[in-house]
Amino acid sequence: AGSDVTPDKYDLSKIVLIDDQAFRSLASAPPTGTVVHDQAGGNARYVIIDGAALQIGAADWTAGGYNIRPDMGVPTAWLQGAVQRKVATGIVVMDQSGKDPSRYVMVDGAALHISAAEWTADGYNEQMLMGVPGEWLKGAAAKAPGNGTVIMNQSGTDNNRYVLVNGTALHISAAEWTANGYDQ
């Protein structure tokens, strides 16, 4: 953003022009696993997971191996937006440091525990597993998916659909499925 130019010390005399096709092929976020910080300064460090910036706490900095990764400065305005993003629903995560051996699936910003029986039976072992800061994971595991989130049993043993209301899963009838827009 224009507000980033001076505090982030970007030198506009060094702009490189590229053609439209090359510009459109550029990624909108650093790759997953990249460690970033605010180009304008500050000590906070973040790891990029699926376009979201997760803060790396002091306890995770060395234990998670983030201290040996390259650290890239990013524009302040972009980072502020990335910090607000949630890790996408369906992403499977684990504690990068290995202190918590559990695996979790992200649902609406909440990390839901995957049991040992579900790990293989439900195909989570076939998905990419992303390491995240342990302190961030503890916070995400304490959350519940938001009101209105539609959920189902991943294994397929229960074909019903449910809507979450204040942490409780309420059954959605066949008539309600389309009439109330849950199919959307």
Protein backbone atom coordinates (compact mmCIF):
# COMPACT_ATOMS: atom_id res chain seq x y z
CA ALA A 1 0.00 0.00 0.00
CA GLY A 2 1.10 3.59 -0.48
CA SER A 3 1.21 3.95 3.31
CA ASP A 4 3.95 1.28 3.39
CA VAL A 5 6.44 3.05 1.13
CA THR A 6 8.13 5.32 3.69
CA PRO A 7 7.97 3.26 6.93
CA ASP A 8 8.97 0.06 5.11
CA LYS A 9 11.80 1.94 3.33
CA TYR A 10 10.84 0.88 -0.20
CA ASP A 11 12.93 2.65 -2.85
CA LEU A 12 10.54 3.56 -5.68
CA SER A 13 13.49 4.41 -7.94
CA LYS A 14 14.13 0.65 -8.18
CA ILE A 15 10.75 -0.40 -9.61
CA VAL A 16 11.00 -3.11 -12.24
CA LEU A 17 8.31 -3.22 -14.92
CA ILE A 18 7.03 -6.62 -16.02
CA ASP A 19 4.37 -7.60 -18.55
CA ASP A 20 0.77 -8.38 -17.56
CA GLN A 21 1.12 -12.14 -17.96
CA ALA A 22 4.14 -12.28 -15.65
CA PHE A 23 2.39 -10.03 -13.11
CA ARG A 24 -0.73 -12.22 -13.06
CA SER A 25 1.41 -15.32 -12.46
CA LEU A 26 2.92 -13.89 -9.26
CA ALA A 27 1.76 -15.46 -5.98
CA SER A 28 -0.35 -13.26 -3.70
CA ALA A 29 1.41 -14.59 -0.57
CA PRO A 30 4.79 -16.08 0.29
CA PRO A 31 4.86 -19.90 0.17
CA THR A 32 3.60 -21.93 3.12
CA GLY A 33 6.30 -22.29 5.76
CA THR A 34 7.95 -18.93 5.01
CA VAL A 35 8.95 -16.89 8.08
CA VAL A 36 8.08 -13.20 7.71
CA HIS A 37 8.24 -9.97 9.68
CA ASP A 38 6.91 -6.43 9.22
CA GLN A 39 9.29 -4.62 6.86
CA ALA A 40 8.75 -1.43 8.90
CA GLY A 41 10.26 -3.06 11.98
CA GLY A 42 9.32 -4.83 15.19
CA ASN A 43 10.36 -8.11 16.72
CA ALA A 44 7.27 -10.21 15.92
CA ARG A 45 7.80 -13.09 13.50
CA TYR A 46 5.12 -15.05 11.66
CA VAL A 47 4.96 -18.25 9.62
CA ILE A 48 2.80 -18.30 6.50
CA ILE A 49 0.32 -21.19 6.35
CA ASP A 50 -2.07 -21.18 3.38
CA GLY A 51 -1.85 -17.36 3.06
CA ALA A 52 -2.49 -16.74 6.79
CA ALA A 53 0.26 -15.29 9.02
CA LEU A 54 0.52 -17.17 12.34
CA GLN A 55 2.58 -15.49 15.04
CA ILE A 56 5.59 -17.45 16.26
CA GLY A 57 6.02 -17.11 20.02
CA ALA A 58 9.36 -17.19 21.82
CA ALA A 59 8.77 -20.79 22.98
CA ASP A 60 8.31 -21.92 19.36
CA TRP A 61 11.09 -19.88 17.74
CA THR A 62 13.88 -22.42 18.30
CA ALA A 63 11.83 -25.51 19.26
CA GLY A 64 9.93 -25.34 15.95
CA GLY A 65 13.07 -24.67 13.91
CA TYR A 66 11.85 -21.27 12.73
CA ASN A 67 15.15 -19.68 13.81
CA ILE A 68 17.04 -21.44 10.99
CA ARG A 69 14.65 -20.50 8.18
CA PRO A 70 15.17 -17.42 6.01
CA ASP A 71 13.21 -14.44 7.39
CA MET A 72 11.57 -12.13 4.84
CA GLY A 73 10.26 -8.59 5.39
CA VAL A 74 6.76 -8.01 4.00
CA PRO A 75 4.68 -4.83 3.60
CA THR A 76 2.90 -3.71 6.76
CA ALA A 77 -0.53 -3.50 5.12
CA TRP A 78 -0.25 -7.00 3.64
CA LEU A 79 0.89 -8.48 6.98
CA GLN A 80 -1.98 -6.84 8.86
CA GLY A 81 -4.42 -8.55 6.49
CA ALA A 82 -2.64 -11.91 6.64
CA VAL A 83 -2.72 -11.91 10.46
CA GLN A 84 -6.53 -11.60 10.28
CA ARG A 85 -6.94 -14.59 7.92
CA LYS A 86 -7.90 -18.05 9.16
CA VAL A 87 -6.15 -21.22 8.07
CA ALA A 88 -8.55 -22.78 5.55
CA THR A 89 -11.07 -25.41 6.60
CA GLY A 90 -9.82 -28.92 5.84
CA ILE A 91 -6.10 -28.20 6.33
CA VAL A 92 -4.44 -30.82 8.58
CA VAL A 93 -1.98 -29.35 11.11
CA MET A 94 0.42 -30.41 13.85
CA ASP A 95 2.69 -28.74 16.41
CA GLN A 96 5.87 -27.87 14.47
CA SER A 97 8.06 -28.46 17.55
CA GLY A 98 6.71 -31.99 18.08
CA LYS A 99 5.79 -31.28 21.72
CA ASP A 100 2.17 -32.21 20.94
CA PRO A 101 2.07 -35.44 18.88
CA SER A 102 -1.63 -34.98 18.04
CA ARG A 103 -2.98 -34.06 14.63
CA TYR A 104 -5.81 -31.61 13.99
CA VAL A 105 -8.07 -30.59 11.11
CA MET A 106 -8.97 -26.92 10.74
CA VAL A 107 -12.69 -26.08 10.66
CA ASP A 108 -13.74 -22.41 10.61
CA GLY A 109 -10.60 -21.28 12.48
CA ALA A 110 -10.82 -24.04 15.11
CA ALA A 111 -8.34 -26.94 15.28
CA LEU A 112 -10.33 -30.16 15.84
CA HIS A 113 -8.44 -33.17 17.21
CA ILE A 114 -8.12 -36.21 14.92
CA SER A 115 -8.15 -39.51 16.84
CA ALA A 116 -5.78 -42.35 15.95
CA ALA A 117 -8.71 -44.35 14.55
CA GLU A 118 -9.80 -41.43 12.35
CA TRP A 119 -6.28 -40.67 11.07
CA THR A 120 -6.22 -43.50 8.52
CA ALA A 121 -9.91 -44.47 8.35
CA ASP A 122 -10.95 -40.97 7.30
CA GLY A 123 -8.02 -40.37 4.93
CA TYR A 124 -6.29 -37.61 6.93
CA ASN A 125 -3.01 -39.51 6.49
CA GLU A 126 -3.27 -38.86 2.73
CA GLN A 127 -3.43 -35.08 3.10
CA MET A 128 -0.50 -32.71 3.37
CA LEU A 129 0.39 -32.17 7.04
CA MET A 130 1.44 -28.62 7.94
CA GLY A 131 3.49 -27.74 11.00
CA VAL A 132 2.29 -24.68 12.92
CA PRO A 133 3.56 -22.87 16.04
CA GLY A 134 2.57 -24.82 19.16
CA GLU A 135 1.29 -21.78 21.04
CA TRP A 136 -0.91 -20.80 18.09
CA LEU A 137 -2.19 -24.39 17.87
CA LYS A 138 -3.16 -24.42 21.57
CA GLY A 139 -5.30 -21.33 20.97
CA ALA A 140 -6.90 -22.79 17.83
CA ALA A 141 -7.63 -26.10 19.61
CA ALA A 142 -9.46 -24.20 22.37
CA LYS A 143 -11.83 -22.63 19.82
CA ALA A 144 -15.06 -24.07 18.47
CA PRO A 145 -16.26 -23.61 14.90
CA GLY A 146 -18.62 -20.64 14.63
CA ASN A 147 -22.39 -20.61 14.76
CA GLY A 148 -23.90 -21.62 11.44
CA THR A 149 -21.02 -23.89 10.42
CA VAL A 150 -22.42 -26.98 8.67
CA ILE A 151 -20.64 -30.18 9.66
CA MET A 152 -20.76 -33.89 8.85
CA ASN A 153 -19.06 -37.08 9.98
CA GLN A 154 -15.85 -37.34 7.91
CA SER A 155 -15.93 -41.15 7.87
CA GLY A 156 -19.31 -41.29 6.13
CA THR A 157 -20.82 -43.62 8.74
CA ASP A 158 -23.42 -40.93 9.49
CA ASN A 159 -24.94 -39.33 6.39
CA ASN A 160 -26.71 -36.60 8.37
CA ARG A 161 -25.66 -32.97 8.33
CA TYR A 162 -25.59 -30.71 11.36
CA VAL A 163 -25.38 -26.98 12.02
CA LEU A 164 -23.41 -25.65 14.98
CA VAL A 165 -25.21 -23.35 17.39
CA ASN A 166 -23.27 -22.26 20.50
CA GLY A 167 -21.05 -25.35 20.24
CA THR A 168 -23.94 -27.80 19.86
CA ALA A 169 -24.50 -29.78 16.65
CA LEU A 170 -28.16 -29.60 15.65
CA HIS A 171 -29.52 -32.04 13.03
CA ILE A 172 -30.64 -30.55 9.69
CA SER A 173 -33.66 -32.34 8.20
CA ALA A 174 -33.95 -33.07 4.48
CA ALA A 175 -36.66 -30.39 4.17
CA GLU A 176 -34.47 -27.80 5.91
CA TRP A 177 -31.39 -28.63 3.81
CA THR A 178 -32.46 -26.60 0.77
CA ALA A 179 -35.36 -24.58 2.24
CA ASN A 180 -33.06 -22.89 4.76
CA GLY A 181 -30.02 -22.65 2.48
CA TYR A 182 -27.75 -25.12 4.25
CA ASP A 183 -26.93 -26.66 0.86
CA GLN A 184 -25.18 -23.37 0.02
